[in-house]
Amino acid sequence: MVKLDRNLFLASVPFDVIGIALACFALITIHLASYILPAIAGIVGLHFVGMSKATERRDYLALATLTCGIAVVAVLLPMQLRIQSTGLAVGATFWFWAIVYRPLPSQPAS
């Protein structure tokens, strides 16, 4: 059974919502809207640092590192590649994590 720090878990959702809203507003305001997807990827990556602490699952730190790494690489790409590759790379990472990597819950003993 996964231990859960409810307060830390509940704090992570507003962090995402407020962080993403502020990032979108700021990037649109300064005419850098093509950086919105990398910014969202970075914020979601940081979200998994908090999730790691809230659930005591160290594997979430790896997911945070991958997602933030994708965000950093995306910022360095030309605009069209940045927009297309960020969503694809983050989506593929989460699908891989959910289907291939993430261990199945323990089965109760029969």
PDB file of N, CA and C in Angstrom:
ATOM      1  N   MET A   1       0.846  -1.189   0.000  1.00  0.00           N
ATOM      2  CA  MET A   1       0.000   0.000   0.000  1.00  0.00           C
ATOM      3  C   MET A   1       0.885   1.243   0.000  1.00  0.00           C
ATOM      4  N   VAL A   2       0.509   2.219  -0.815  1.00  0.00           N
ATOM      5  CA  VAL A   2       1.268   3.447  -0.933  1.00  0.00           C
ATOM      6  C   VAL A   2       0.861   4.396   0.179  1.00  0.00           C
ATOM      7  N   LYS A   3       1.866   4.910   0.879  1.00  0.00           N
ATOM      8  CA  LYS A   3       1.608   5.902   1.917  1.00  0.00           C
ATOM      9  C   LYS A   3       1.347   7.237   1.221  1.00  0.00           C
ATOM     10  N   LEU A   4       0.389   8.003   1.729  1.00  0.00           N
ATOM     11  CA  LEU A   4       0.024   9.257   1.079  1.00  0.00           C
ATOM     12  C   LEU A   4      -0.029  10.386   2.101  1.00  0.00           C
ATOM     13  N   ASP A   5       0.741  11.442   1.851  1.00  0.00           N
ATOM     14  CA  ASP A   5       0.654  12.672   2.632  1.00  0.00           C
ATOM     15  C   ASP A   5      -0.428  13.519   1.970  1.00  0.00           C
ATOM     16  N   ARG A   6      -1.612  13.483   2.523  1.00  0.00           N
ATOM     17  CA  ARG A   6      -2.779  14.112   1.905  1.00  0.00           C
ATOM     18  C   ARG A   6      -2.574  15.607   1.669  1.00  0.00           C
ATOM     19  N   ASN A   7      -1.998  16.312   2.638  1.00  0.00           N
ATOM     20  CA  ASN A   7      -1.811  17.757   2.497  1.00  0.00           C
ATOM     21  C   ASN A   7      -0.861  18.091   1.350  1.00  0.00           C
ATOM     22  N   LEU A   8       0.239  17.359   1.266  1.00  0.00           N
ATOM     23  CA  LEU A   8       1.190  17.592   0.183  1.00  0.00           C
ATOM     24  C   LEU A   8       0.578  17.235  -1.166  1.00  0.00           C
ATOM     25  N   PHE A   9      -0.183  16.154  -1.183  1.00  0.00           N
ATOM     26  CA  PHE A   9      -0.861  15.742  -2.411  1.00  0.00           C
ATOM     27  C   PHE A   9      -1.840  16.814  -2.876  1.00  0.00           C
ATOM     28  N   LEU A  10      -2.647  17.329  -1.959  1.00  0.00           N
ATOM     29  CA  LEU A  10      -3.639  18.346  -2.307  1.00  0.00           C
ATOM     30  C   LEU A  10      -2.995  19.676  -2.697  1.00  0.00           C
ATOM     31  N   ALA A  11      -1.806  19.954  -2.189  1.00  0.00           N
ATOM     32  CA  ALA A  11      -1.100  21.182  -2.551  1.00  0.00           C
ATOM     33  C   ALA A  11      -0.554  21.113  -3.970  1.00  0.00           C
ATOM     34  N   SER A  12      -0.326  19.907  -4.475  1.00  0.00           N
ATOM     35  CA  SER A  12       0.275  19.780  -5.807  1.00  0.00           C
ATOM     36  C   SER A  12      -0.693  20.178  -6.924  1.00  0.00           C
ATOM     37  N   VAL A  13      -1.976  19.995  -6.717  1.00  0.00           N
ATOM     38  CA  VAL A  13      -2.948  20.335  -7.764  1.00  0.00           C
ATOM     39  C   VAL A  13      -3.042  21.850  -7.963  1.00  0.00           C
ATOM     40  N   PRO A  14      -3.217  22.637  -6.906  1.00  0.00           N
ATOM     41  CA  PRO A  14      -3.235  24.085  -7.118  1.00  0.00           C
ATOM     42  C   PRO A  14      -1.912  24.603  -7.697  1.00  0.00           C
ATOM     43  N   PHE A  15      -0.797  23.979  -7.323  1.00  0.00           N
ATOM     44  CA  PHE A  15       0.493  24.363  -7.890  1.00  0.00           C
ATOM     45  C   PHE A  15       0.445  24.243  -9.411  1.00  0.00           C
ATOM     46  N   ASP A  16      -0.067  23.126  -9.894  1.00  0.00           N
ATOM     47  CA  ASP A  16      -0.171  22.916 -11.338  1.00  0.00           C
ATOM     48  C   ASP A  16      -1.095  23.936 -11.986  1.00  0.00           C
ATOM     49  N   VAL A  17      -2.278  24.081 -11.449  1.00  0.00           N
ATOM     50  CA  VAL A  17      -3.287  24.961 -12.049  1.00  0.00           C
ATOM     51  C   VAL A  17      -2.802  26.408 -12.069  1.00  0.00           C
ATOM     52  N   ILE A  18      -2.338  26.896 -10.945  1.00  0.00           N
ATOM     53  CA  ILE A  18      -1.880  28.286 -10.859  1.00  0.00           C
ATOM     54  C   ILE A  18      -0.611  28.483 -11.679  1.00  0.00           C
ATOM     55  N   GLY A  19       0.322  27.544 -11.568  1.00  0.00           N
ATOM     56  CA  GLY A  19       1.574  27.656 -12.321  1.00  0.00           C
ATOM     57  C   GLY A  19       1.351  27.671 -13.814  1.00  0.00           C
ATOM     58  N   ILE A  20       0.505  26.785 -14.299  1.00  0.00           N
ATOM     59  CA  ILE A  20       0.224  26.727 -15.737  1.00  0.00           C
ATOM     60  C   ILE A  20      -0.498  27.991 -16.190  1.00  0.00           C
ATOM     61  N   ALA A  21      -1.476  28.445 -15.418  1.00  0.00           N
ATOM     62  CA  ALA A  21      -2.206  29.665 -15.790  1.00  0.00           C
ATOM     63  C   ALA A  21      -1.267  30.873 -15.837  1.00  0.00           C
ATOM     64  N   LEU A  22      -0.413  31.013 -14.830  1.00  0.00           N
ATOM     65  CA  LEU A  22       0.527  32.144 -14.811  1.00  0.00           C
ATOM     66  C   LEU A  22       1.531  32.066 -15.952  1.00  0.00           C
ATOM     67  N   ALA A  23       2.035  30.861 -16.221  1.00  0.00           N
ATOM     68  CA  ALA A  23       3.001  30.690 -17.303  1.00  0.00           C
ATOM     69  C   ALA A  23       2.364  31.041 -18.647  1.00  0.00           C
ATOM     70  N   CYS A  24       1.154  30.558 -18.877  1.00  0.00           N
ATOM     71  CA  CYS A  24       0.459  30.867 -20.139  1.00  0.00           C
ATOM     72  C   CYS A  24       0.233  32.364 -20.283  1.00  0.00           C
ATOM     73  N   PHE A  25      -0.266  32.984 -19.240  1.00  0.00           N
ATOM     74  CA  PHE A  25      -0.518  34.421 -19.273  1.00  0.00           C
ATOM     75  C   PHE A  25       0.768  35.195 -19.551  1.00  0.00           C
ATOM     76  N   ALA A  26       1.830  34.864 -18.825  1.00  0.00           N
ATOM     77  CA  ALA A  26       3.098  35.582 -18.981  1.00  0.00           C
ATOM     78  C   ALA A  26       3.684  35.381 -20.372  1.00  0.00           C
ATOM     79  N   LEU A  27       3.679  34.160 -20.864  1.00  0.00           N
ATOM     80  CA  LEU A  27       4.272  33.894 -22.175  1.00  0.00           C
ATOM     81  C   LEU A  27       3.464  34.540 -23.312  1.00  0.00           C
ATOM     82  N   ILE A  28       2.158  34.556 -23.184  1.00  0.00           N
ATOM     83  CA  ILE A  28       1.337  35.228 -24.202  1.00  0.00           C
ATOM     84  C   ILE A  28       1.572  36.736 -24.138  1.00  0.00           C
ATOM     85  N   THR A  29       1.644  37.271 -22.930  1.00  0.00           N
ATOM     86  CA  THR A  29       1.848  38.704 -22.751  1.00  0.00           C
ATOM     87  C   THR A  29       3.162  39.173 -23.374  1.00  0.00           C
ATOM     88  N   ILE A  30       4.216  38.371 -23.253  1.00  0.00           N
ATOM     89  CA  ILE A  30       5.517  38.790 -23.803  1.00  0.00           C
ATOM     90  C   ILE A  30       5.764  38.212 -25.200  1.00  0.00           C
ATOM     91  N   HIS A  31       4.694  37.739 -25.819  1.00  0.00           N
ATOM     92  CA  HIS A  31       4.728  37.262 -27.211  1.00  0.00           C
ATOM     93  C   HIS A  31       5.667  36.069 -27.418  1.00  0.00           C
ATOM     94  N   LEU A  32       5.647  35.147 -26.475  1.00  0.00           N
ATOM     95  CA  LEU A  32       6.435  33.918 -26.581  1.00  0.00           C
ATOM     96  C   LEU A  32       5.537  32.691 -26.405  1.00  0.00           C
ATOM     97  N   ALA A  33       4.389  32.727 -27.049  1.00  0.00           N
ATOM     98  CA  ALA A  33       3.405  31.653 -26.889  1.00  0.00           C
ATOM     99  C   ALA A  33       3.936  30.288 -27.319  1.00  0.00           C
ATOM    100  N   SER A  34       4.935  30.245 -28.190  1.00  0.00           N
ATOM    101  CA  SER A  34       5.456  28.941 -28.625  1.00  0.00           C
ATOM    102  C   SER A  34       6.195  28.215 -27.497  1.00  0.00           C
ATOM    103  N   TYR A  35       6.421  28.897 -26.399  1.00  0.00           N
ATOM    104  CA  TYR A  35       7.072  28.269 -25.241  1.00  0.00           C
ATOM    105  C   TYR A  35       6.067  27.745 -24.215  1.00  0.00           C
ATOM    106  N   ILE A  36       4.776  27.858 -24.507  1.00  0.00           N
ATOM    107  CA  ILE A  36       3.771  27.415 -23.539  1.00  0.00           C
ATOM    108  C   ILE A  36       3.870  25.918 -23.257  1.00  0.00           C
ATOM    109  N   LEU A  37       3.968  25.096 -24.299  1.00  0.00           N
ATOM    110  CA  LEU A  37       4.037  23.646 -24.059  1.00  0.00           C
ATOM    111  C   LEU A  37       5.275  23.237 -23.272  1.00  0.00           C
ATOM    112  N   PRO A  38       6.473  23.753 -23.576  1.00  0.00           N
ATOM    113  CA  PRO A  38       7.613  23.420 -22.719  1.00  0.00           C
ATOM    114  C   PRO A  38       7.420  23.893 -21.275  1.00  0.00           C
ATOM    115  N   ALA A  39       6.794  25.057 -21.097  1.00  0.00           N
ATOM    116  CA  ALA A  39       6.544  25.550 -19.738  1.00  0.00           C
ATOM    117  C   ALA A  39       5.601  24.614 -18.990  1.00  0.00           C
ATOM    118  N   ILE A  40       4.545  24.180 -19.662  1.00  0.00           N
ATOM    119  CA  ILE A  40       3.607  23.248 -19.031  1.00  0.00           C
ATOM    120  C   ILE A  40       4.319  21.934 -18.703  1.00  0.00           C
ATOM    121  N   ALA A  41       5.151  21.449 -19.615  1.00  0.00           N
ATOM    122  CA  ALA A  41       5.897  20.211 -19.358  1.00  0.00           C
ATOM    123  C   ALA A  41       6.791  20.367 -18.131  1.00  0.00           C
ATOM    124  N   GLY A  42       7.449  21.511 -18.007  1.00  0.00           N
ATOM    125  CA  GLY A  42       8.299  21.743 -16.836  1.00  0.00           C
ATOM    126  C   GLY A  42       7.509  21.799 -15.543  1.00  0.00           C
ATOM    127  N   ILE A  43       6.368  22.461 -15.581  1.00  0.00           N
ATOM    128  CA  ILE A  43       5.523  22.560 -14.380  1.00  0.00           C
ATOM    129  C   ILE A  43       4.996  21.185 -13.987  1.00  0.00           C
ATOM    130  N   VAL A  44       4.552  20.411 -14.965  1.00  0.00           N
ATOM    131  CA  VAL A  44       4.070  19.052 -14.668  1.00  0.00           C
ATOM    132  C   VAL A  44       5.215  18.189 -14.148  1.00  0.00           C
ATOM    133  N   GLY A  45       6.411  18.376 -14.707  1.00  0.00           N
ATOM    134  CA  GLY A  45       7.569  17.650 -14.193  1.00  0.00           C
ATOM    135  C   GLY A  45       7.832  17.970 -12.729  1.00  0.00           C
ATOM    136  N   LEU A  46       7.777  19.247 -12.387  1.00  0.00           N
ATOM    137  CA  LEU A  46       7.970  19.641 -10.989  1.00  0.00           C
ATOM    138  C   LEU A  46       6.867  19.080 -10.093  1.00  0.00           C
ATOM    139  N   HIS A  47       5.685  18.952 -10.643  1.00  0.00           N
ATOM    140  CA  HIS A  47       4.560  18.361  -9.921  1.00  0.00           C
ATOM    141  C   HIS A  47       4.938  16.957  -9.409  1.00  0.00           C
ATOM    142  N   PHE A  48       5.676  16.203 -10.216  1.00  0.00           N
ATOM    143  CA  PHE A  48       6.032  14.851  -9.816  1.00  0.00           C
ATOM    144  C   PHE A  48       7.091  14.803  -8.717  1.00  0.00           C
ATOM    145  N   VAL A  49       7.821  15.900  -8.509  1.00  0.00           N
ATOM    146  CA  VAL A  49       8.717  15.973  -7.350  1.00  0.00           C
ATOM    147  C   VAL A  49       7.868  15.971  -6.083  1.00  0.00           C
ATOM    148  N   GLY A  50       6.820  16.806  -6.087  1.00  0.00           N
ATOM    149  CA  GLY A  50       5.902  16.833  -4.941  1.00  0.00           C
ATOM    150  C   GLY A  50       5.175  15.512  -4.760  1.00  0.00           C
ATOM    151  N   MET A  51       4.786  14.902  -5.876  1.00  0.00           N
ATOM    152  CA  MET A  51       4.105  13.602  -5.787  1.00  0.00           C
ATOM    153  C   MET A  51       5.025  12.544  -5.192  1.00  0.00           C
ATOM    154  N   SER A  52       6.301  12.632  -5.509  1.00  0.00           N
ATOM    155  CA  SER A  52       7.269  11.681  -4.953  1.00  0.00           C
ATOM    156  C   SER A  52       7.322  11.815  -3.430  1.00  0.00           C
ATOM    157  N   LYS A  53       7.341  13.057  -2.974  1.00  0.00           N
ATOM    158  CA  LYS A  53       7.368  13.283  -1.525  1.00  0.00           C
ATOM    159  C   LYS A  53       6.043  12.896  -0.875  1.00  0.00           C
ATOM    160  N   ALA A  54       4.943  13.182  -1.550  1.00  0.00           N
ATOM    161  CA  ALA A  54       3.620  12.887  -0.981  1.00  0.00           C
ATOM    162  C   ALA A  54       3.362  11.389  -0.885  1.00  0.00           C
ATOM    163  N   THR A  55       3.894  10.620  -1.818  1.00  0.00           N
ATOM    164  CA  THR A  55       3.608   9.180  -1.855  1.00  0.00           C
ATOM    165  C   THR A  55       4.798   8.315  -1.450  1.00  0.00           C
ATOM    166  N   GLU A  56       5.964   8.962  -1.228  1.00  0.00           N
ATOM    167  CA  GLU A  56       7.207   8.246  -0.914  1.00  0.00           C
ATOM    168  C   GLU A  56       7.597   7.275  -2.024  1.00  0.00           C
ATOM    169  N   ARG A  57       7.256   7.613  -3.257  1.00  0.00           N
ATOM    170  CA  ARG A  57       7.639   6.810  -4.429  1.00  0.00           C
ATOM    171  C   ARG A  57       8.777   7.518  -5.141  1.00  0.00           C
ATOM    172  N   ARG A  58       9.972   6.951  -5.018  1.00  0.00           N
ATOM    173  CA  ARG A  58      11.159   7.543  -5.628  1.00  0.00           C
ATOM    174  C   ARG A  58      11.106   7.487  -7.159  1.00  0.00           C
ATOM    175  N   ASP A  59      10.336   6.552  -7.708  1.00  0.00           N
ATOM    176  CA  ASP A  59      10.274   6.455  -9.170  1.00  0.00           C
ATOM    177  C   ASP A  59       9.628   7.694  -9.791  1.00  0.00           C
ATOM    178  N   TYR A  60       8.837   8.435  -9.025  1.00  0.00           N
ATOM    179  CA  TYR A  60       8.269   9.671  -9.545  1.00  0.00           C
ATOM    180  C   TYR A  60       9.362  10.720  -9.801  1.00  0.00           C
ATOM    181  N   LEU A  61      10.472  10.632  -9.088  1.00  0.00           N
ATOM    182  CA  LEU A  61      11.574  11.551  -9.341  1.00  0.00           C
ATOM    183  C   LEU A  61      12.152  11.326 -10.732  1.00  0.00           C
ATOM    184  N   ALA A  62      12.191  10.078 -11.163  1.00  0.00           N
ATOM    185  CA  ALA A  62      12.662   9.785 -12.517  1.00  0.00           C
ATOM    186  C   ALA A  62      11.705  10.374 -13.547  1.00  0.00           C
ATOM    187  N   LEU A  63      10.420  10.254 -13.308  1.00  0.00           N
ATOM    188  CA  LEU A  63       9.428  10.823 -14.221  1.00  0.00           C
ATOM    189  C   LEU A  63       9.546  12.346 -14.240  1.00  0.00           C
ATOM    190  N   ALA A  64       9.783  12.953 -13.087  1.00  0.00           N
ATOM    191  CA  ALA A  64       9.979  14.403 -13.016  1.00  0.00           C
ATOM    192  C   ALA A  64      11.207  14.815 -13.821  1.00  0.00           C
ATOM    193  N   THR A  65      12.281  14.065 -13.686  1.00  0.00           N
ATOM    194  CA  THR A  65      13.512  14.376 -14.414  1.00  0.00           C
ATOM    195  C   THR A  65      13.308  14.255 -15.915  1.00  0.00           C
ATOM    196  N   LEU A  66      12.650  13.193 -16.351  1.00  0.00           N
ATOM    197  CA  LEU A  66      12.384  13.012 -17.780  1.00  0.00           C
ATOM    198  C   LEU A  66      11.533  14.153 -18.330  1.00  0.00           C
ATOM    199  N   THR A  67      10.469  14.484 -17.632  1.00  0.00           N
ATOM    200  CA  THR A  67       9.543  15.514 -18.112  1.00  0.00           C
ATOM    201  C   THR A  67      10.216  16.887 -18.138  1.00  0.00           C
ATOM    202  N   CYS A  68      10.958  17.220 -17.096  1.00  0.00           N
ATOM    203  CA  CYS A  68      11.672  18.503 -17.084  1.00  0.00           C
ATOM    204  C   CYS A  68      12.768  18.517 -18.143  1.00  0.00           C
ATOM    205  N   GLY A  69      13.415  17.376 -18.354  1.00  0.00           N
ATOM    206  CA  GLY A  69      14.424  17.285 -19.408  1.00  0.00           C
ATOM    207  C   GLY A  69      13.836  17.536 -20.780  1.00  0.00           C
ATOM    208  N   ILE A  70      12.666  16.984 -21.025  1.00  0.00           N
ATOM    209  CA  ILE A  70      11.968  17.228 -22.295  1.00  0.00           C
ATOM    210  C   ILE A  70      11.686  18.722 -22.446  1.00  0.00           C
ATOM    211  N   ALA A  71      11.264  19.365 -21.368  1.00  0.00           N
ATOM    212  CA  ALA A  71      10.970  20.799 -21.416  1.00  0.00           C
ATOM    213  C   ALA A  71      12.215  21.605 -21.773  1.00  0.00           C
ATOM    214  N   VAL A  72      13.344  21.260 -21.176  1.00  0.00           N
ATOM    215  CA  VAL A  72      14.590  21.986 -21.445  1.00  0.00           C
ATOM    216  C   VAL A  72      15.020  21.794 -22.903  1.00  0.00           C
ATOM    217  N   VAL A  73      14.976  20.557 -23.379  1.00  0.00           N
ATOM    218  CA  VAL A  73      15.349  20.292 -24.774  1.00  0.00           C
ATOM    219  C   VAL A  73      14.402  21.017 -25.728  1.00  0.00           C
ATOM    220  N   ALA A  74      13.117  21.019 -25.419  1.00  0.00           N
ATOM    221  CA  ALA A  74      12.123  21.658 -26.288  1.00  0.00           C
ATOM    222  C   ALA A  74      12.384  23.157 -26.442  1.00  0.00           C
ATOM    223  N   VAL A  75      12.838  23.790 -25.373  1.00  0.00           N
ATOM    224  CA  VAL A  75      13.119  25.230 -25.426  1.00  0.00           C
ATOM    225  C   VAL A  75      14.235  25.518 -26.434  1.00  0.00           C
ATOM    226  N   LEU A  76      15.132  24.572 -26.618  1.00  0.00           N
ATOM    227  CA  LEU A  76      16.273  24.767 -27.516  1.00  0.00           C
ATOM    228  C   LEU A  76      15.942  24.498 -28.981  1.00  0.00           C
ATOM    229  N   LEU A  77      14.777  23.924 -29.236  1.00  0.00           N
ATOM    230  CA  LEU A  77      14.396  23.568 -30.606  1.00  0.00           C
ATOM    231  C   LEU A  77      13.791  24.757 -31.361  1.00  0.00           C
ATOM    232  N   PRO A  78      13.848  24.708 -32.710  1.00  0.00           N
ATOM    233  CA  PRO A  78      13.133  25.726 -33.489  1.00  0.00           C
ATOM    234  C   PRO A  78      11.629  25.666 -33.190  1.00  0.00           C
ATOM    235  N   MET A  79      10.931  26.776 -33.413  1.00  0.00           N
ATOM    236  CA  MET A  79       9.529  26.905 -32.992  1.00  0.00           C
ATOM    237  C   MET A  79       8.647  25.750 -33.442  1.00  0.00           C
ATOM    238  N   GLN A  80       8.640  25.408 -34.713  1.00  0.00           N
ATOM    239  CA  GLN A  80       7.722  24.369 -35.187  1.00  0.00           C
ATOM    240  C   GLN A  80       8.038  23.017 -34.549  1.00  0.00           C
ATOM    241  N   LEU A  81       9.303  22.686 -34.439  1.00  0.00           N
ATOM    242  CA  LEU A  81       9.673  21.430 -33.774  1.00  0.00           C
ATOM    243  C   LEU A  81       9.331  21.470 -32.288  1.00  0.00           C
ATOM    244  N   ARG A  82       9.494  22.623 -31.676  1.00  0.00           N
ATOM    245  CA  ARG A  82       9.202  22.772 -30.244  1.00  0.00           C
ATOM    246  C   ARG A  82       7.748  22.437 -29.965  1.00  0.00           C
ATOM    247  N   ILE A  83       6.868  22.993 -30.760  1.00  0.00           N
ATOM    248  CA  ILE A  83       5.435  22.797 -30.553  1.00  0.00           C
ATOM    249  C   ILE A  83       5.045  21.335 -30.775  1.00  0.00           C
ATOM    250  N   GLN A  84       5.525  20.751 -31.877  1.00  0.00           N
ATOM    251  CA  GLN A  84       5.149  19.376 -32.210  1.00  0.00           C
ATOM    252  C   GLN A  84       5.796  18.355 -31.286  1.00  0.00           C
ATOM    253  N   SER A  85       7.063  18.540 -30.996  1.00  0.00           N
ATOM    254  CA  SER A  85       7.789  17.498 -30.269  1.00  0.00           C
ATOM    255  C   SER A  85       7.492  17.470 -28.774  1.00  0.00           C
ATOM    256  N   THR A  86       7.162  18.613 -28.187  1.00  0.00           N
ATOM    257  CA  THR A  86       6.925  18.642 -26.740  1.00  0.00           C
ATOM    258  C   THR A  86       5.746  17.757 -26.355  1.00  0.00           C
ATOM    259  N   GLY A  87       4.613  17.970 -27.013  1.00  0.00           N
ATOM    260  CA  GLY A  87       3.432  17.159 -26.702  1.00  0.00           C
ATOM    261  C   GLY A  87       3.657  15.686 -26.989  1.00  0.00           C
ATOM    262  N   LEU A  88       4.304  15.403 -28.112  1.00  0.00           N
ATOM    263  CA  LEU A  88       4.574  14.017 -28.479  1.00  0.00           C
ATOM    264  C   LEU A  88       5.506  13.344 -27.479  1.00  0.00           C
ATOM    265  N   ALA A  89       6.583  14.027 -27.108  1.00  0.00           N
ATOM    266  CA  ALA A  89       7.556  13.435 -26.191  1.00  0.00           C
ATOM    267  C   ALA A  89       6.977  13.236 -24.786  1.00  0.00           C
ATOM    268  N   VAL A  90       6.253  14.227 -24.290  1.00  0.00           N
ATOM    269  CA  VAL A  90       5.661  14.085 -22.952  1.00  0.00           C
ATOM    270  C   VAL A  90       4.571  13.014 -22.975  1.00  0.00           C
ATOM    271  N   GLY A  91       3.742  13.028 -23.998  1.00  0.00           N
ATOM    272  CA  GLY A  91       2.697  12.003 -24.114  1.00  0.00           C
ATOM    273  C   GLY A  91       3.279  10.604 -24.175  1.00  0.00           C
ATOM    274  N   ALA A  92       4.328  10.430 -24.987  1.00  0.00           N
ATOM    275  CA  ALA A  92       4.970   9.116 -25.097  1.00  0.00           C
ATOM    276  C   ALA A  92       5.598   8.702 -23.773  1.00  0.00           C
ATOM    277  N   THR A  93       6.184   9.653 -23.066  1.00  0.00           N
ATOM    278  CA  THR A  93       6.785   9.349 -21.758  1.00  0.00           C
ATOM    279  C   THR A  93       5.725   8.868 -20.777  1.00  0.00           C
ATOM    280  N   PHE A  94       4.591   9.565 -20.719  1.00  0.00           N
ATOM    281  CA  PHE A  94       3.534   9.167 -19.782  1.00  0.00           C
ATOM    282  C   PHE A  94       2.909   7.828 -20.166  1.00  0.00           C
ATOM    283  N   TRP A  95       2.717   7.594 -21.467  1.00  0.00           N
ATOM    284  CA  TRP A  95       2.180   6.294 -21.899  1.00  0.00           C
ATOM    285  C   TRP A  95       3.151   5.179 -21.542  1.00  0.00           C
ATOM    286  N   PHE A  96       4.426   5.385 -21.811  1.00  0.00           N
ATOM    287  CA  PHE A  96       5.430   4.390 -21.450  1.00  0.00           C
ATOM    288  C   PHE A  96       5.387   4.124 -19.955  1.00  0.00           C
ATOM    289  N   TRP A  97       5.348   5.197 -19.183  1.00  0.00           N
ATOM    290  CA  TRP A  97       5.359   5.071 -17.724  1.00  0.00           C
ATOM    291  C   TRP A  97       4.135   4.304 -17.236  1.00  0.00           C
ATOM    292  N   ALA A  98       2.985   4.641 -17.763  1.00  0.00           N
ATOM    293  CA  ALA A  98       1.732   4.020 -17.307  1.00  0.00           C
ATOM    294  C   ALA A  98       1.605   2.564 -17.729  1.00  0.00           C
ATOM    295  N   ILE A  99       2.082   2.245 -18.936  1.00  0.00           N
ATOM    296  CA  ILE A  99       1.850   0.908 -19.474  1.00  0.00           C
ATOM    297  C   ILE A  99       3.034  -0.022 -19.273  1.00  0.00           C
ATOM    298  N   VAL A 100       4.232   0.457 -19.539  1.00  0.00           N
ATOM    299  CA  VAL A 100       5.395  -0.430 -19.539  1.00  0.00           C
ATOM    300  C   VAL A 100       6.141  -0.397 -18.216  1.00  0.00           C
ATOM    301  N   TYR A 101       6.483   0.788 -17.756  1.00  0.00           N
ATOM    302  CA  TYR A 101       7.364   0.874 -16.593  1.00  0.00           C
ATOM    303  C   TYR A 101       6.668   0.648 -15.263  1.00  0.00           C
ATOM    304  N   ARG A 102       5.606   1.377 -15.049  1.00  0.00           N
ATOM    305  CA  ARG A 102       4.968   1.401 -13.724  1.00  0.00           C
ATOM    306  C   ARG A 102       4.627   0.000 -13.237  1.00  0.00           C
ATOM    307  N   PRO A 103       5.160  -0.369 -12.076  1.00  0.00           N
ATOM    308  CA  PRO A 103       4.897  -1.706 -11.571  1.00  0.00           C
ATOM    309  C   PRO A 103       3.419  -1.894 -11.208  1.00  0.00           C
ATOM    310  N   LEU A 104       2.946  -3.091 -11.402  1.00  0.00           N
ATOM    311  CA  LEU A 104       1.570  -3.414 -11.024  1.00  0.00           C
ATOM    312  C   LEU A 104       1.454  -3.475  -9.512  1.00  0.00           C
ATOM    313  N   PRO A 105       0.286  -3.150  -8.981  1.00  0.00           N
ATOM    314  CA  PRO A 105       0.108  -3.241  -7.534  1.00  0.00           C
ATOM    315  C   PRO A 105       0.302  -4.689  -7.072  1.00  0.00           C
ATOM    316  N   SER A 106       0.709  -4.815  -5.846  1.00  0.00           N
ATOM    317  CA  SER A 106       0.915  -6.152  -5.287  1.00  0.00           C
ATOM    318  C   SER A 106      -0.405  -6.913  -5.265  1.00  0.00           C
ATOM    319  N   GLN A 107      -0.317  -8.167  -5.623  1.00  0.00           N
ATOM    320  CA  GLN A 107      -1.497  -9.024  -5.577  1.00  0.00           C
ATOM    321  C   GLN A 107      -1.624  -9.610  -4.177  1.00  0.00           C
ATOM    322  N   PRO A 108      -2.824  -9.637  -3.623  1.00  0.00           N
ATOM    323  CA  PRO A 108      -2.989 -10.221  -2.287  1.00  0.00           C
ATOM    324  C   PRO A 108      -2.702 -11.720  -2.358  1.00  0.00           C
ATOM    325  N   ALA A 109      -2.153 -12.228  -1.281  1.00  0.00           N
ATOM    326  CA  ALA A 109      -1.846 -13.657  -1.220  1.00  0.00           C
ATOM    327  C   ALA A 109      -3.145 -14.456  -1.211  1.00  0.00           C
ATOM    328  N   SER A 110      -3.158 -15.543  -1.972  1.00  0.00           N
ATOM    329  CA  SER A 110      -4.356 -16.380  -2.035  1.00  0.00           C
ATOM    330  C   SER A 110      -4.373 -17.374  -0.914  1.00  0.00           C
TER     331      SER A 110
END
